[in-house]
Amino acid sequence: MRRYELMLVFKPDAPDERTQAVVERTTRMIGADGGQIVKVQPWGRRRLAYPIDRHREGQYHIVVFEAPATTIAEIERTLLITEEVIRHLIIRIERPVRAARKGEAAGAEAGEGDQVPPPPVDEDEVEPDGERIDESESEAAPAAVD
């Protein structure tokens, strides 16, 4: 099963009982198909980035769950015909990639996994003799004078 995040935006004038009923119905659908609810979090009333159906605000809810892919289509179909929901979005949450090489795994066990490798050197910035060009002292960006 994969992990998903569902964001629901309800009409601002929708009663709390109806929004809770929609959230509960959605969580029941997930559980009925063998999924598991990880977290349900109401975000409350927030201003929308743009008007939707003449509404400037919406009630937000986040549902994090694990479910088979077949469940997603059924949830979306149900939310599209629900009057209280003005927008919804389901995204798949990627799990962190495990260390592929033995050396990386040993570094992660030692606590060195948090280090970020240096960025690759751009071939345009390297002179033929192997020195890097320091762009901070170029004509476009003169060096600071004290």
C-alpha atoms as a PDB file:
ATOM      1  CA  MET A   1       0.000   0.000   0.000  1.00  0.00           C
ATOM      2  CA  ARG A   2       1.103   3.527  -0.715  1.00  0.00           C
ATOM      3  CA  ARG A   3       0.826   6.594   1.477  1.00  0.00           C
ATOM      4  CA  TYR A   4      -1.367   9.472   0.326  1.00  0.00           C
ATOM      5  CA  GLU A   5      -2.347  12.912   1.564  1.00  0.00           C
ATOM      6  CA  LEU A   6      -5.831  14.258   0.929  1.00  0.00           C
ATOM      7  CA  MET A   7      -6.581  17.956   1.288  1.00  0.00           C
ATOM      8  CA  LEU A   8     -10.230  18.921   1.457  1.00  0.00           C
ATOM      9  CA  VAL A   9     -11.520  22.480   1.100  1.00  0.00           C
ATOM     10  CA  PHE A  10     -15.102  22.906   2.240  1.00  0.00           C
ATOM     11  CA  LYS A  11     -17.436  25.825   1.687  1.00  0.00           C
ATOM     12  CA  PRO A  12     -16.997  28.383   4.481  1.00  0.00           C
ATOM     13  CA  ASP A  13     -20.715  28.375   5.278  1.00  0.00           C
ATOM     14  CA  ALA A  14     -20.959  24.574   5.506  1.00  0.00           C
ATOM     15  CA  PRO A  15     -22.015  23.439   8.987  1.00  0.00           C
ATOM     16  CA  ASP A  16     -19.381  21.651  11.052  1.00  0.00           C
ATOM     17  CA  GLU A  17     -21.622  18.584  11.316  1.00  0.00           C
ATOM     18  CA  ARG A  18     -21.692  18.205   7.509  1.00  0.00           C
ATOM     19  CA  THR A  19     -17.928  18.683   7.115  1.00  0.00           C
ATOM     20  CA  GLN A  20     -17.274  16.122   9.842  1.00  0.00           C
ATOM     21  CA  ALA A  21     -19.720  13.724   8.167  1.00  0.00           C
ATOM     22  CA  VAL A  22     -17.851  14.042   4.845  1.00  0.00           C
ATOM     23  CA  VAL A  23     -14.486  13.461   6.555  1.00  0.00           C
ATOM     24  CA  GLU A  24     -15.856  10.429   8.433  1.00  0.00           C
ATOM     25  CA  ARG A  25     -17.436   9.001   5.271  1.00  0.00           C
ATOM     26  CA  THR A  26     -14.117   9.379   3.445  1.00  0.00           C
ATOM     27  CA  THR A  27     -12.161   7.688   6.236  1.00  0.00           C
ATOM     28  CA  ARG A  28     -14.707   4.843   6.304  1.00  0.00           C
ATOM     29  CA  MET A  29     -14.251   4.362   2.540  1.00  0.00           C
ATOM     30  CA  ILE A  30     -10.496   4.130   3.027  1.00  0.00           C
ATOM     31  CA  GLY A  31     -10.858   1.610   5.855  1.00  0.00           C
ATOM     32  CA  ALA A  32     -13.404  -0.484   3.953  1.00  0.00           C
ATOM     33  CA  ASP A  33     -10.958  -1.016   1.075  1.00  0.00           C
ATOM     34  CA  GLY A  34      -8.224  -2.225   3.412  1.00  0.00           C
ATOM     35  CA  GLY A  35      -6.537   1.137   3.920  1.00  0.00           C
ATOM     36  CA  GLN A  36      -5.327   2.676   7.137  1.00  0.00           C
ATOM     37  CA  ILE A  37      -5.750   6.245   8.384  1.00  0.00           C
ATOM     38  CA  VAL A  38      -2.490   7.758   9.618  1.00  0.00           C
ATOM     39  CA  LYS A  39      -3.668  11.238  10.601  1.00  0.00           C
ATOM     40  CA  VAL A  40      -6.745  13.465  10.312  1.00  0.00           C
ATOM     41  CA  GLN A  41      -6.059  17.115  10.987  1.00  0.00           C
ATOM     42  CA  PRO A  42      -8.504  20.023  10.629  1.00  0.00           C
ATOM     43  CA  TRP A  43      -6.693  23.212   9.584  1.00  0.00           C
ATOM     44  CA  GLY A  44      -9.656  25.488  10.136  1.00  0.00           C
ATOM     45  CA  ARG A  45     -10.848  28.416   8.082  1.00  0.00           C
ATOM     46  CA  ARG A  46      -8.317  30.031   5.725  1.00  0.00           C
ATOM     47  CA  ARG A  47      -8.336  32.546   2.923  1.00  0.00           C
ATOM     48  CA  LEU A  48      -8.246  31.088  -0.596  1.00  0.00           C
ATOM     49  CA  ALA A  49      -5.643  32.195  -3.126  1.00  0.00           C
ATOM     50  CA  TYR A  50      -8.416  33.005  -5.606  1.00  0.00           C
ATOM     51  CA  PRO A  51     -12.227  32.977  -5.444  1.00  0.00           C
ATOM     52  CA  ILE A  52     -13.880  29.602  -5.979  1.00  0.00           C
ATOM     53  CA  ASP A  53     -17.646  29.674  -6.640  1.00  0.00           C
ATOM     54  CA  ARG A  54     -17.691  33.224  -5.214  1.00  0.00           C
ATOM     55  CA  HIS A  55     -16.118  32.063  -1.942  1.00  0.00           C
ATOM     56  CA  ARG A  56     -13.025  33.856  -0.638  1.00  0.00           C
ATOM     57  CA  GLU A  57     -12.441  31.484   2.305  1.00  0.00           C
ATOM     58  CA  GLY A  58     -12.660  27.768   2.923  1.00  0.00           C
ATOM     59  CA  GLN A  59     -12.513  25.211   5.713  1.00  0.00           C
ATOM     60  CA  TYR A  60      -9.448  22.986   5.274  1.00  0.00           C
ATOM     61  CA  HIS A  61      -8.942  19.373   6.404  1.00  0.00           C
ATOM     62  CA  ILE A  62      -5.928  17.122   5.844  1.00  0.00           C
ATOM     63  CA  VAL A  63      -6.176  13.309   5.843  1.00  0.00           C
ATOM     64  CA  VAL A  64      -2.995  11.215   5.622  1.00  0.00           C
ATOM     65  CA  PHE A  65      -3.661   7.560   4.828  1.00  0.00           C
ATOM     66  CA  GLU A  66      -2.291   4.366   3.326  1.00  0.00           C
ATOM     67  CA  ALA A  67      -4.446   2.594   0.770  1.00  0.00           C
ATOM     68  CA  PRO A  68      -4.349   0.591  -2.453  1.00  0.00           C
ATOM     69  CA  ALA A  69      -4.432   2.612  -5.674  1.00  0.00           C
ATOM     70  CA  THR A  70      -7.939   1.422  -6.524  1.00  0.00           C
ATOM     71  CA  THR A  71      -9.351   3.321  -3.553  1.00  0.00           C
ATOM     72  CA  ILE A  72      -8.191   6.702  -4.872  1.00  0.00           C
ATOM     73  CA  ALA A  73     -10.541   6.721  -7.880  1.00  0.00           C
ATOM     74  CA  GLU A  74     -13.534   5.913  -5.693  1.00  0.00           C
ATOM     75  CA  ILE A  75     -12.665   8.667  -3.202  1.00  0.00           C
ATOM     76  CA  GLU A  76     -12.260  11.247  -5.961  1.00  0.00           C
ATOM     77  CA  ARG A  77     -15.537  10.243  -7.592  1.00  0.00           C
ATOM     78  CA  THR A  78     -17.380  10.660  -4.286  1.00  0.00           C
ATOM     79  CA  LEU A  79     -15.752  14.007  -3.460  1.00  0.00           C
ATOM     80  CA  LEU A  80     -16.555  15.443  -6.903  1.00  0.00           C
ATOM     81  CA  ILE A  81     -20.292  15.050  -6.300  1.00  0.00           C
ATOM     82  CA  THR A  82     -20.256  16.240  -2.677  1.00  0.00           C
ATOM     83  CA  GLU A  83     -21.800  19.724  -2.464  1.00  0.00           C
ATOM     84  CA  GLU A  84     -19.849  20.914   0.574  1.00  0.00           C
ATOM     85  CA  VAL A  85     -16.432  20.230  -1.013  1.00  0.00           C
ATOM     86  CA  ILE A  86     -15.272  23.040  -3.288  1.00  0.00           C
ATOM     87  CA  ARG A  87     -11.786  21.583  -3.926  1.00  0.00           C
ATOM     88  CA  HIS A  88      -9.865  18.431  -3.091  1.00  0.00           C
ATOM     89  CA  LEU A  89      -6.403  17.133  -3.917  1.00  0.00           C
ATOM     90  CA  ILE A  90      -4.886  13.703  -3.360  1.00  0.00           C
ATOM     91  CA  ILE A  91      -1.131  13.362  -3.659  1.00  0.00           C
ATOM     92  CA  ARG A  92       1.086  10.343  -3.173  1.00  0.00           C
ATOM     93  CA  ILE A  93       3.750  10.785  -0.519  1.00  0.00           C
ATOM     94  CA  GLU A  94       7.108   9.370  -1.530  1.00  0.00           C
ATOM     95  CA  ARG A  95       8.944   7.435   1.121  1.00  0.00           C
ATOM     96  CA  PRO A  96      12.613   8.250   1.731  1.00  0.00           C
ATOM     97  CA  VAL A  97      15.049   6.363  -0.468  1.00  0.00           C
ATOM     98  CA  ARG A  98      17.244   3.925   1.407  1.00  0.00           C
ATOM     99  CA  ALA A  99      21.013   3.892   0.997  1.00  0.00           C
ATOM    100  CA  ALA A 100      21.841   1.878  -2.083  1.00  0.00           C
ATOM    101  CA  ARG A 101      25.540   1.335  -1.561  1.00  0.00           C
ATOM    102  CA  LYS A 102      27.232  -0.286   1.368  1.00  0.00           C
ATOM    103  CA  GLY A 103      29.419   2.779   2.004  1.00  0.00           C
ATOM    104  CA  GLU A 104      26.398   5.044   2.223  1.00  0.00           C
ATOM    105  CA  ALA A 105      24.708   2.683   4.659  1.00  0.00           C
ATOM    106  CA  ALA A 106      27.787   2.642   6.886  1.00  0.00           C
ATOM    107  CA  GLY A 107      27.903   6.452   6.817  1.00  0.00           C
ATOM    108  CA  ALA A 108      24.246   6.657   7.751  1.00  0.00           C
ATOM    109  CA  GLU A 109      24.783   4.359  10.735  1.00  0.00           C
ATOM    110  CA  ALA A 110      27.641   6.525  11.939  1.00  0.00           C
ATOM    111  CA  GLY A 111      25.415   9.621  11.845  1.00  0.00           C
ATOM    112  CA  GLU A 112      27.054  11.084   8.759  1.00  0.00           C
ATOM    113  CA  GLY A 113      23.981  10.670   6.567  1.00  0.00           C
ATOM    114  CA  ASP A 114      22.926  14.271   7.185  1.00  0.00           C
ATOM    115  CA  GLN A 115      25.858  15.681   5.233  1.00  0.00           C
ATOM    116  CA  VAL A 116      25.059  16.921   1.774  1.00  0.00           C
ATOM    117  CA  PRO A 117      27.598  16.113  -0.932  1.00  0.00           C
ATOM    118  CA  PRO A 118      29.217  19.107  -2.639  1.00  0.00           C
ATOM    119  CA  PRO A 119      27.484  20.278  -5.796  1.00  0.00           C
ATOM    120  CA  PRO A 120      28.945  19.052  -9.067  1.00  0.00           C
ATOM    121  CA  VAL A 121      31.453  21.364 -10.674  1.00  0.00           C
ATOM    122  CA  ASP A 122      30.138  23.037 -13.819  1.00  0.00           C
ATOM    123  CA  GLU A 123      32.552  22.486 -16.697  1.00  0.00           C
ATOM    124  CA  ASP A 124      32.105  26.096 -17.828  1.00  0.00           C
ATOM    125  CA  GLU A 125      33.473  27.372 -14.517  1.00  0.00           C
ATOM    126  CA  VAL A 126      36.641  25.279 -14.610  1.00  0.00           C
ATOM    127  CA  GLU A 127      39.696  26.601 -16.419  1.00  0.00           C
ATOM    128  CA  PRO A 128      41.841  24.171 -18.437  1.00  0.00           C
ATOM    129  CA  ASP A 129      44.485  23.952 -15.708  1.00  0.00           C
ATOM    130  CA  GLY A 130      41.847  22.783 -13.206  1.00  0.00           C
ATOM    131  CA  GLU A 131      41.310  26.021 -11.256  1.00  0.00           C
ATOM    132  CA  ARG A 132      37.826  27.270 -10.539  1.00  0.00           C
ATOM    133  CA  ILE A 133      36.864  30.748 -11.674  1.00  0.00           C
ATOM    134  CA  ASP A 134      35.905  32.916  -8.732  1.00  0.00           C
ATOM    135  CA  GLU A 135      32.919  34.856 -10.025  1.00  0.00           C
ATOM    136  CA  SER A 136      32.814  37.098  -6.975  1.00  0.00           C
ATOM    137  CA  GLU A 137      35.771  39.094  -8.333  1.00  0.00           C
ATOM    138  CA  SER A 138      34.704  39.269 -11.961  1.00  0.00           C
ATOM    139  CA  GLU A 139      33.911  42.519 -13.770  1.00  0.00           C
ATOM    140  CA  ALA A 140      30.173  41.906 -13.376  1.00  0.00           C
ATOM    141  CA  ALA A 141      30.510  41.679  -9.603  1.00  0.00           C
ATOM    142  CA  PRO A 142      33.635  43.541  -8.430  1.00  0.00           C
ATOM    143  CA  ALA A 143      35.199  42.563  -5.138  1.00  0.00           C
ATOM    144  CA  ALA A 144      34.197  44.528  -2.059  1.00  0.00           C
ATOM    145  CA  VAL A 145      36.796  47.086  -1.029  1.00  0.00           C
ATOM    146  CA  ASP A 146      37.279  47.801   2.657  1.00  0.00           C
END
